[in-house]
Amino acid sequence: VRGTGCSGGDFDLFSWQSALDGRE
């Protein structure tokens, strides 16, 4: 998820942005 591990971006718990990343 963005903002965790080695991924970039800012973390937001259970966010719609993370879901959109998964779609991409």
mmCIF file of all heavy atoms, coordinates in Angstrom:
data_MODEL
# 
_entry.id   MODEL 
# 
loop_
_atom_site.group_PDB 
_atom_site.id 
_atom_site.type_symbol 
_atom_site.label_atom_id 
_atom_site.label_alt_id 
_atom_site.label_comp_id 
_atom_site.label_asym_id 
_atom_site.label_entity_id 
_atom_site.label_seq_id 
_atom_site.pdbx_PDB_ins_code 
_atom_site.Cartn_x 
_atom_site.Cartn_y 
_atom_site.Cartn_z 
_atom_site.occupancy 
_atom_site.B_iso_or_equiv 
_atom_site.pdbx_formal_charge 
_atom_site.auth_seq_id 
_atom_site.auth_comp_id 
_atom_site.auth_asym_id 
_atom_site.auth_atom_id 
_atom_site.pdbx_PDB_model_num 
ATOM 1   N N   . VAL A 1 1  ? 0.843   -1.189 0.000   1.00 0.00 ? 1  VAL A N   1 
ATOM 2   C CA  . VAL A 1 1  ? 0.000   0.000  0.000   1.00 0.00 ? 1  VAL A CA  1 
ATOM 3   C C   . VAL A 1 1  ? 0.882   1.244  0.000   1.00 0.00 ? 1  VAL A C   1 
ATOM 4   O O   . VAL A 1 1  ? 1.943   1.254  0.626   1.00 0.00 ? 1  VAL A O   1 
ATOM 5   C CB  . VAL A 1 1  ? -0.911  -0.019 1.245   1.00 0.00 ? 1  VAL A CB  1 
ATOM 6   C CG1 . VAL A 1 1  ? -1.624  1.315  1.432   1.00 0.00 ? 1  VAL A CG1 1 
ATOM 7   C CG2 . VAL A 1 1  ? -1.912  -1.161 1.156   1.00 0.00 ? 1  VAL A CG2 1 
ATOM 8   N N   . ARG A 1 2  ? 0.454   2.289  -0.711  1.00 0.00 ? 2  ARG A N   1 
ATOM 9   C CA  . ARG A 1 2  ? 1.276   3.502  -0.743  1.00 0.00 ? 2  ARG A CA  1 
ATOM 10  C C   . ARG A 1 2  ? 1.548   4.002  0.682   1.00 0.00 ? 2  ARG A C   1 
ATOM 11  O O   . ARG A 1 2  ? 0.693   3.950  1.567   1.00 0.00 ? 2  ARG A O   1 
ATOM 12  C CB  . ARG A 1 2  ? 0.637   4.595  -1.597  1.00 0.00 ? 2  ARG A CB  1 
ATOM 13  C CG  . ARG A 1 2  ? -0.583  5.265  -1.067  1.00 0.00 ? 2  ARG A CG  1 
ATOM 14  C CD  . ARG A 1 2  ? -0.906  6.549  -1.841  1.00 0.00 ? 2  ARG A CD  1 
ATOM 15  N NE  . ARG A 1 2  ? -1.006  6.360  -3.280  1.00 0.00 ? 2  ARG A NE  1 
ATOM 16  C CZ  . ARG A 1 2  ? -0.820  7.323  -4.193  1.00 0.00 ? 2  ARG A CZ  1 
ATOM 17  N NH1 . ARG A 1 2  ? -0.538  8.560  -3.793  1.00 0.00 ? 2  ARG A NH1 1 
ATOM 18  N NH2 . ARG A 1 2  ? -0.936  7.083  -5.482  1.00 0.00 ? 2  ARG A NH2 1 
ATOM 19  N N   . GLY A 1 3  ? 2.782   4.456  0.877   1.00 0.00 ? 3  GLY A N   1 
ATOM 20  C CA  . GLY A 1 3  ? 3.193   4.925  2.191   1.00 0.00 ? 3  GLY A CA  1 
ATOM 21  C C   . GLY A 1 3  ? 3.610   3.826  3.142   1.00 0.00 ? 3  GLY A C   1 
ATOM 22  O O   . GLY A 1 3  ? 3.911   4.099  4.310   1.00 0.00 ? 3  GLY A O   1 
ATOM 23  N N   . THR A 1 4  ? 3.651   2.561  2.664   1.00 0.00 ? 4  THR A N   1 
ATOM 24  C CA  . THR A 1 4  ? 4.110   1.448  3.496   1.00 0.00 ? 4  THR A CA  1 
ATOM 25  C C   . THR A 1 4  ? 5.204   0.698  2.754   1.00 0.00 ? 4  THR A C   1 
ATOM 26  O O   . THR A 1 4  ? 5.352   0.834  1.535   1.00 0.00 ? 4  THR A O   1 
ATOM 27  C CB  . THR A 1 4  ? 2.978   0.463  3.839   1.00 0.00 ? 4  THR A CB  1 
ATOM 28  O OG1 . THR A 1 4  ? 2.614   -0.274 2.658   1.00 0.00 ? 4  THR A OG1 1 
ATOM 29  C CG2 . THR A 1 4  ? 1.769   1.198  4.385   1.00 0.00 ? 4  THR A CG2 1 
ATOM 30  N N   . GLY A 1 5  ? 5.958   -0.131 3.483   1.00 0.00 ? 5  GLY A N   1 
ATOM 31  C CA  . GLY A 1 5  ? 7.021   -0.897 2.850   1.00 0.00 ? 5  GLY A CA  1 
ATOM 32  C C   . GLY A 1 5  ? 7.954   0.012  2.076   1.00 0.00 ? 5  GLY A C   1 
ATOM 33  O O   . GLY A 1 5  ? 8.383   1.052  2.554   1.00 0.00 ? 5  GLY A O   1 
ATOM 34  N N   . CYS A 1 6  ? 8.240   -0.364 0.840   1.00 0.00 ? 6  CYS A N   1 
ATOM 35  C CA  . CYS A 1 6  ? 9.115   0.438  -0.004  1.00 0.00 ? 6  CYS A CA  1 
ATOM 36  C C   . CYS A 1 6  ? 8.336   1.296  -1.003  1.00 0.00 ? 6  CYS A C   1 
ATOM 37  O O   . CYS A 1 6  ? 8.929   1.899  -1.899  1.00 0.00 ? 6  CYS A O   1 
ATOM 38  C CB  . CYS A 1 6  ? 10.084  -0.470 -0.758  1.00 0.00 ? 6  CYS A CB  1 
ATOM 39  S SG  . CYS A 1 6  ? 11.404  -1.151 0.290   1.00 0.00 ? 6  CYS A SG  1 
ATOM 40  N N   . SER A 1 7  ? 7.014   1.348  -0.861  1.00 0.00 ? 7  SER A N   1 
ATOM 41  C CA  . SER A 1 7  ? 6.204   2.175  -1.750  1.00 0.00 ? 7  SER A CA  1 
ATOM 42  C C   . SER A 1 7  ? 6.319   3.650  -1.379  1.00 0.00 ? 7  SER A C   1 
ATOM 43  O O   . SER A 1 7  ? 6.520   4.005  -0.218  1.00 0.00 ? 7  SER A O   1 
ATOM 44  C CB  . SER A 1 7  ? 4.731   1.765  -1.678  1.00 0.00 ? 7  SER A CB  1 
ATOM 45  O OG  . SER A 1 7  ? 4.512   0.516  -2.290  1.00 0.00 ? 7  SER A OG  1 
ATOM 46  N N   . GLY A 1 8  ? 6.162   4.506  -2.382  1.00 0.00 ? 8  GLY A N   1 
ATOM 47  C CA  . GLY A 1 8  ? 6.175   5.943  -2.141  1.00 0.00 ? 8  GLY A CA  1 
ATOM 48  C C   . GLY A 1 8  ? 4.813   6.444  -1.715  1.00 0.00 ? 8  GLY A C   1 
ATOM 49  O O   . GLY A 1 8  ? 3.869   5.673  -1.515  1.00 0.00 ? 8  GLY A O   1 
ATOM 50  N N   . GLY A 1 9  ? 4.709   7.773  -1.582  1.00 0.00 ? 9  GLY A N   1 
ATOM 51  C CA  . GLY A 1 9  ? 3.440   8.394  -1.230  1.00 0.00 ? 9  GLY A CA  1 
ATOM 52  C C   . GLY A 1 9  ? 3.182   8.401  0.257   1.00 0.00 ? 9  GLY A C   1 
ATOM 53  O O   . GLY A 1 9  ? 3.942   7.858  1.051   1.00 0.00 ? 9  GLY A O   1 
ATOM 54  N N   . ASP A 1 10 ? 2.076   9.025  0.648   1.00 0.00 ? 10 ASP A N   1 
ATOM 55  C CA  . ASP A 1 10 ? 1.692   9.137  2.048   1.00 0.00 ? 10 ASP A CA  1 
ATOM 56  C C   . ASP A 1 10 ? 0.631   8.101  2.404   1.00 0.00 ? 10 ASP A C   1 
ATOM 57  O O   . ASP A 1 10 ? -0.319  7.889  1.648   1.00 0.00 ? 10 ASP A O   1 
ATOM 58  C CB  . ASP A 1 10 ? 1.156   10.541 2.343   1.00 0.00 ? 10 ASP A CB  1 
ATOM 59  C CG  . ASP A 1 10 ? 2.268   11.579 2.392   1.00 0.00 ? 10 ASP A CG  1 
ATOM 60  O OD1 . ASP A 1 10 ? 3.383   11.218 2.824   1.00 0.00 ? 10 ASP A OD1 1 
ATOM 61  O OD2 . ASP A 1 10 ? 2.026   12.735 2.004   1.00 0.00 ? 10 ASP A OD2 1 
ATOM 62  N N   . PHE A 1 11 ? 0.784   7.493  3.562   1.00 0.00 ? 11 PHE A N   1 
ATOM 63  C CA  . PHE A 1 11 ? -0.103  6.439  4.019   1.00 0.00 ? 11 PHE A CA  1 
ATOM 64  C C   . PHE A 1 11 ? -1.420  7.012  4.510   1.00 0.00 ? 11 PHE A C   1 
ATOM 65  O O   . PHE A 1 11 ? -1.464  8.041  5.173   1.00 0.00 ? 11 PHE A O   1 
ATOM 66  C CB  . PHE A 1 11 ? 0.579   5.662  5.143   1.00 0.00 ? 11 PHE A CB  1 
ATOM 67  C CG  . PHE A 1 11 ? -0.291  4.616  5.775   1.00 0.00 ? 11 PHE A CG  1 
ATOM 68  C CD1 . PHE A 1 11 ? -0.633  3.473  5.080   1.00 0.00 ? 11 PHE A CD1 1 
ATOM 69  C CD2 . PHE A 1 11 ? -0.773  4.785  7.073   1.00 0.00 ? 11 PHE A CD2 1 
ATOM 70  C CE1 . PHE A 1 11 ? -1.433  2.500  5.660   1.00 0.00 ? 11 PHE A CE1 1 
ATOM 71  C CE2 . PHE A 1 11 ? -1.568  3.820  7.666   1.00 0.00 ? 11 PHE A CE2 1 
ATOM 72  C CZ  . PHE A 1 11 ? -1.905  2.679  6.950   1.00 0.00 ? 11 PHE A CZ  1 
ATOM 73  N N   . ASP A 1 12 ? -2.520  6.327  4.185   1.00 0.00 ? 12 ASP A N   1 
ATOM 74  C CA  . ASP A 1 12 ? -3.845  6.660  4.712   1.00 0.00 ? 12 ASP A CA  1 
ATOM 75  C C   . ASP A 1 12 ? -4.579  5.341  4.895   1.00 0.00 ? 12 ASP A C   1 
ATOM 76  O O   . ASP A 1 12 ? -4.886  4.654  3.926   1.00 0.00 ? 12 ASP A O   1 
ATOM 77  C CB  . ASP A 1 12 ? -4.584  7.582  3.736   1.00 0.00 ? 12 ASP A CB  1 
ATOM 78  C CG  . ASP A 1 12 ? -5.943  8.032  4.271   1.00 0.00 ? 12 ASP A CG  1 
ATOM 79  O OD1 . ASP A 1 12 ? -6.261  7.700  5.427   1.00 0.00 ? 12 ASP A OD1 1 
ATOM 80  O OD2 . ASP A 1 12 ? -6.682  8.699  3.525   1.00 0.00 ? 12 ASP A OD2 1 
ATOM 81  N N   . LEU A 1 13 ? -4.874  4.982  6.131   1.00 0.00 ? 13 LEU A N   1 
ATOM 82  C CA  . LEU A 1 13 ? -5.418  3.676  6.461   1.00 0.00 ? 13 LEU A CA  1 
ATOM 83  C C   . LEU A 1 13 ? -6.735  3.400  5.742   1.00 0.00 ? 13 LEU A C   1 
ATOM 84  O O   . LEU A 1 13 ? -7.682  4.173  5.852   1.00 0.00 ? 13 LEU A O   1 
ATOM 85  C CB  . LEU A 1 13 ? -5.626  3.579  7.975   1.00 0.00 ? 13 LEU A CB  1 
ATOM 86  C CG  . LEU A 1 13 ? -6.169  2.256  8.511   1.00 0.00 ? 13 LEU A CG  1 
ATOM 87  C CD1 . LEU A 1 13 ? -5.151  1.156  8.302   1.00 0.00 ? 13 LEU A CD1 1 
ATOM 88  C CD2 . LEU A 1 13 ? -6.533  2.387  9.988   1.00 0.00 ? 13 LEU A CD2 1 
ATOM 89  N N   . PHE A 1 14 ? -6.779  2.268  5.018   1.00 0.00 ? 14 PHE A N   1 
ATOM 90  C CA  . PHE A 1 14 ? -7.989  1.818  4.312   1.00 0.00 ? 14 PHE A CA  1 
ATOM 91  C C   . PHE A 1 14 ? -8.588  2.936  3.450   1.00 0.00 ? 14 PHE A C   1 
ATOM 92  O O   . PHE A 1 14 ? -9.802  3.170  3.462   1.00 0.00 ? 14 PHE A O   1 
ATOM 93  C CB  . PHE A 1 14 ? -9.038  1.303  5.304   1.00 0.00 ? 14 PHE A CB  1 
ATOM 94  C CG  . PHE A 1 14 ? -8.550  0.211  6.201   1.00 0.00 ? 14 PHE A CG  1 
ATOM 95  C CD1 . PHE A 1 14 ? -8.955  0.163  7.528   1.00 0.00 ? 14 PHE A CD1 1 
ATOM 96  C CD2 . PHE A 1 14 ? -7.683  -0.774 5.738   1.00 0.00 ? 14 PHE A CD2 1 
ATOM 97  C CE1 . PHE A 1 14 ? -8.516  -0.845 8.379   1.00 0.00 ? 14 PHE A CE1 1 
ATOM 98  C CE2 . PHE A 1 14 ? -7.231  -1.785 6.571   1.00 0.00 ? 14 PHE A CE2 1 
ATOM 99  C CZ  . PHE A 1 14 ? -7.648  -1.817 7.892   1.00 0.00 ? 14 PHE A CZ  1 
ATOM 100 N N   . SER A 1 15 ? -7.749  3.609  2.694   1.00 0.00 ? 15 SER A N   1 
ATOM 101 C CA  . SER A 1 15 ? -8.214  4.762  1.923   1.00 0.00 ? 15 SER A CA  1 
ATOM 102 C C   . SER A 1 15 ? -8.666  4.374  0.525   1.00 0.00 ? 15 SER A C   1 
ATOM 103 O O   . SER A 1 15 ? -8.232  3.363  -0.035  1.00 0.00 ? 15 SER A O   1 
ATOM 104 C CB  . SER A 1 15 ? -7.092  5.810  1.821   1.00 0.00 ? 15 SER A CB  1 
ATOM 105 O OG  . SER A 1 15 ? -6.073  5.363  0.941   1.00 0.00 ? 15 SER A OG  1 
ATOM 106 N N   . TRP A 1 16 ? -9.529  5.195  -0.060  1.00 0.00 ? 16 TRP A N   1 
ATOM 107 C CA  . TRP A 1 16 ? -9.976  5.000  -1.435  1.00 0.00 ? 16 TRP A CA  1 
ATOM 108 C C   . TRP A 1 16 ? -8.808  5.178  -2.406  1.00 0.00 ? 16 TRP A C   1 
ATOM 109 O O   . TRP A 1 16 ? -8.761  4.531  -3.453  1.00 0.00 ? 16 TRP A O   1 
ATOM 110 C CB  . TRP A 1 16 ? -11.102 5.971  -1.751  1.00 0.00 ? 16 TRP A CB  1 
ATOM 111 C CG  . TRP A 1 16 ? -11.744 5.734  -3.076  1.00 0.00 ? 16 TRP A CG  1 
ATOM 112 C CD1 . TRP A 1 16 ? -11.775 6.582  -4.140  1.00 0.00 ? 16 TRP A CD1 1 
ATOM 113 C CD2 . TRP A 1 16 ? -12.475 4.561  -3.493  1.00 0.00 ? 16 TRP A CD2 1 
ATOM 114 N NE1 . TRP A 1 16 ? -12.476 6.025  -5.194  1.00 0.00 ? 16 TRP A NE1 1 
ATOM 115 C CE2 . TRP A 1 16 ? -12.909 4.785  -4.821  1.00 0.00 ? 16 TRP A CE2 1 
ATOM 116 C CE3 . TRP A 1 16 ? -12.793 3.353  -2.868  1.00 0.00 ? 16 TRP A CE3 1 
ATOM 117 C CZ2 . TRP A 1 16 ? -13.645 3.832  -5.536  1.00 0.00 ? 16 TRP A CZ2 1 
ATOM 118 C CZ3 . TRP A 1 16 ? -13.529 2.413  -3.579  1.00 0.00 ? 16 TRP A CZ3 1 
ATOM 119 C CH2 . TRP A 1 16 ? -13.939 2.662  -4.895  1.00 0.00 ? 16 TRP A CH2 1 
ATOM 120 N N   . GLN A 1 17 ? -7.838  6.029  -2.055  1.00 0.00 ? 17 GLN A N   1 
ATOM 121 C CA  . GLN A 1 17 ? -6.665  6.196  -2.914  1.00 0.00 ? 17 GLN A CA  1 
ATOM 122 C C   . GLN A 1 17 ? -5.892  4.890  -3.037  1.00 0.00 ? 17 GLN A C   1 
ATOM 123 O O   . GLN A 1 17 ? -5.435  4.528  -4.123  1.00 0.00 ? 17 GLN A O   1 
ATOM 124 C CB  . GLN A 1 17 ? -5.749  7.285  -2.364  1.00 0.00 ? 17 GLN A CB  1 
ATOM 125 C CG  . GLN A 1 17 ? -4.476  7.510  -3.184  1.00 0.00 ? 17 GLN A CG  1 
ATOM 126 C CD  . GLN A 1 17 ? -4.765  7.865  -4.624  1.00 0.00 ? 17 GLN A CD  1 
ATOM 127 O OE1 . GLN A 1 17 ? -5.396  8.883  -4.898  1.00 0.00 ? 17 GLN A OE1 1 
ATOM 128 N NE2 . GLN A 1 17 ? -4.303  7.040  -5.570  1.00 0.00 ? 17 GLN A NE2 1 
ATOM 129 N N   . SER A 1 18 ? -5.748  4.161  -1.930  1.00 0.00 ? 18 SER A N   1 
ATOM 130 C CA  . SER A 1 18 ? -5.074  2.864  -1.996  1.00 0.00 ? 18 SER A CA  1 
ATOM 131 C C   . SER A 1 18 ? -5.840  1.902  -2.888  1.00 0.00 ? 18 SER A C   1 
ATOM 132 O O   . SER A 1 18 ? -5.251  1.107  -3.629  1.00 0.00 ? 18 SER A O   1 
ATOM 133 C CB  . SER A 1 18 ? -4.938  2.269  -0.586  1.00 0.00 ? 18 SER A CB  1 
ATOM 134 O OG  . SER A 1 18 ? -4.093  3.051  0.222   1.00 0.00 ? 18 SER A OG  1 
ATOM 135 N N   . ALA A 1 19 ? -7.178  1.965  -2.818  1.00 0.00 ? 19 ALA A N   1 
ATOM 136 C CA  . ALA A 1 19 ? -8.002  1.108  -3.672  1.00 0.00 ? 19 ALA A CA  1 
ATOM 137 C C   . ALA A 1 19 ? -7.787  1.450  -5.143  1.00 0.00 ? 19 ALA A C   1 
ATOM 138 O O   . ALA A 1 19 ? -7.676  0.562  -5.995  1.00 0.00 ? 19 ALA A O   1 
ATOM 139 C CB  . ALA A 1 19 ? -9.471  1.255  -3.293  1.00 0.00 ? 19 ALA A CB  1 
ATOM 140 N N   . LEU A 1 20 ? -7.696  2.728  -5.448  1.00 0.00 ? 20 LEU A N   1 
ATOM 141 C CA  . LEU A 1 20 ? -7.452  3.145  -6.834  1.00 0.00 ? 20 LEU A CA  1 
ATOM 142 C C   . LEU A 1 20 ? -6.071  2.709  -7.309  1.00 0.00 ? 20 LEU A C   1 
ATOM 143 O O   . LEU A 1 20 ? -5.885  2.362  -8.483  1.00 0.00 ? 20 LEU A O   1 
ATOM 144 C CB  . LEU A 1 20 ? -7.601  4.666  -6.953  1.00 0.00 ? 20 LEU A CB  1 
ATOM 145 C CG  . LEU A 1 20 ? -9.016  5.208  -6.745  1.00 0.00 ? 20 LEU A CG  1 
ATOM 146 C CD1 . LEU A 1 20 ? -8.999  6.739  -6.752  1.00 0.00 ? 20 LEU A CD1 1 
ATOM 147 C CD2 . LEU A 1 20 ? -9.964  4.688  -7.822  1.00 0.00 ? 20 LEU A CD2 1 
ATOM 148 N N   . ASP A 1 21 ? -5.097  2.717  -6.400  1.00 0.00 ? 21 ASP A N   1 
ATOM 149 C CA  . ASP A 1 21 ? -3.772  2.176  -6.747  1.00 0.00 ? 21 ASP A CA  1 
ATOM 150 C C   . ASP A 1 21 ? -3.893  0.705  -7.128  1.00 0.00 ? 21 ASP A C   1 
ATOM 151 O O   . ASP A 1 21 ? -3.280  0.247  -8.098  1.00 0.00 ? 21 ASP A O   1 
ATOM 152 C CB  . ASP A 1 21 ? -2.809  2.318  -5.565  1.00 0.00 ? 21 ASP A CB  1 
ATOM 153 C CG  . ASP A 1 21 ? -2.426  3.760  -5.273  1.00 0.00 ? 21 ASP A CG  1 
ATOM 154 O OD1 . ASP A 1 21 ? -2.593  4.614  -6.159  1.00 0.00 ? 21 ASP A OD1 1 
ATOM 155 O OD2 . ASP A 1 21 ? -1.971  4.018  -4.138  1.00 0.00 ? 21 ASP A OD2 1 
ATOM 156 N N   . GLY A 1 22 ? -4.679  -0.046 -6.349  1.00 0.00 ? 22 GLY A N   1 
ATOM 157 C CA  . GLY A 1 22 ? -4.881  -1.461 -6.656  1.00 0.00 ? 22 GLY A CA  1 
ATOM 158 C C   . GLY A 1 22 ? -5.519  -1.659 -8.019  1.00 0.00 ? 22 GLY A C   1 
ATOM 159 O O   . GLY A 1 22 ? -5.158  -2.584 -8.758  1.00 0.00 ? 22 GLY A O   1 
ATOM 160 N N   . ARG A 1 23 ? -6.462  -0.812 -8.370  1.00 0.00 ? 23 ARG A N   1 
ATOM 161 C CA  . ARG A 1 23 ? -7.090  -0.884 -9.695  1.00 0.00 ? 23 ARG A CA  1 
ATOM 162 C C   . ARG A 1 23 ? -6.048  -0.684 -10.791 1.00 0.00 ? 23 ARG A C   1 
ATOM 163 O O   . ARG A 1 23 ? -6.002  -1.432 -11.776 1.00 0.00 ? 23 ARG A O   1 
ATOM 164 C CB  . ARG A 1 23 ? -8.188  0.172  -9.801  1.00 0.00 ? 23 ARG A CB  1 
ATOM 165 C CG  . ARG A 1 23 ? -8.816  0.275  -11.204 1.00 0.00 ? 23 ARG A CG  1 
ATOM 166 C CD  . ARG A 1 23 ? -9.715  1.496  -11.295 1.00 0.00 ? 23 ARG A CD  1 
ATOM 167 N NE  . ARG A 1 23 ? -10.099 1.755  -12.677 1.00 0.00 ? 23 ARG A NE  1 
ATOM 168 C CZ  . ARG A 1 23 ? -11.223 1.354  -13.239 1.00 0.00 ? 23 ARG A CZ  1 
ATOM 169 N NH1 . ARG A 1 23 ? -12.089 0.654  -12.539 1.00 0.00 ? 23 ARG A NH1 1 
ATOM 170 N NH2 . ARG A 1 23 ? -11.485 1.657  -14.508 1.00 0.00 ? 23 ARG A NH2 1 
ATOM 171 N N   . GLU A 1 24 ? -5.191  0.326  -10.627 1.00 0.00 ? 24 GLU A N   1 
ATOM 172 C CA  . GLU A 1 24 ? -4.146  0.575  -11.631 1.00 0.00 ? 24 GLU A CA  1 
ATOM 173 C C   . GLU A 1 24 ? -3.196  -0.609 -11.731 1.00 0.00 ? 24 GLU A C   1 
ATOM 174 O O   . GLU A 1 24 ? -2.758  -0.977 -12.833 1.00 0.00 ? 24 GLU A O   1 
ATOM 175 C CB  . GLU A 1 24 ? -3.369  1.847  -11.280 1.00 0.00 ? 24 GLU A CB  1 
ATOM 176 C CG  . GLU A 1 24 ? -4.127  3.137  -11.549 1.00 0.00 ? 24 GLU A CG  1 
ATOM 177 C CD  . GLU A 1 24 ? -3.204  4.346  -11.578 1.00 0.00 ? 24 GLU A CD  1 
ATOM 178 O OE1 . GLU A 1 24 ? -2.194  4.310  -12.313 1.00 0.00 ? 24 GLU A OE1 1 
ATOM 179 O OE2 . GLU A 1 24 ? -3.492  5.327  -10.859 1.00 0.00 ? 24 GLU A OE2 1 
# 
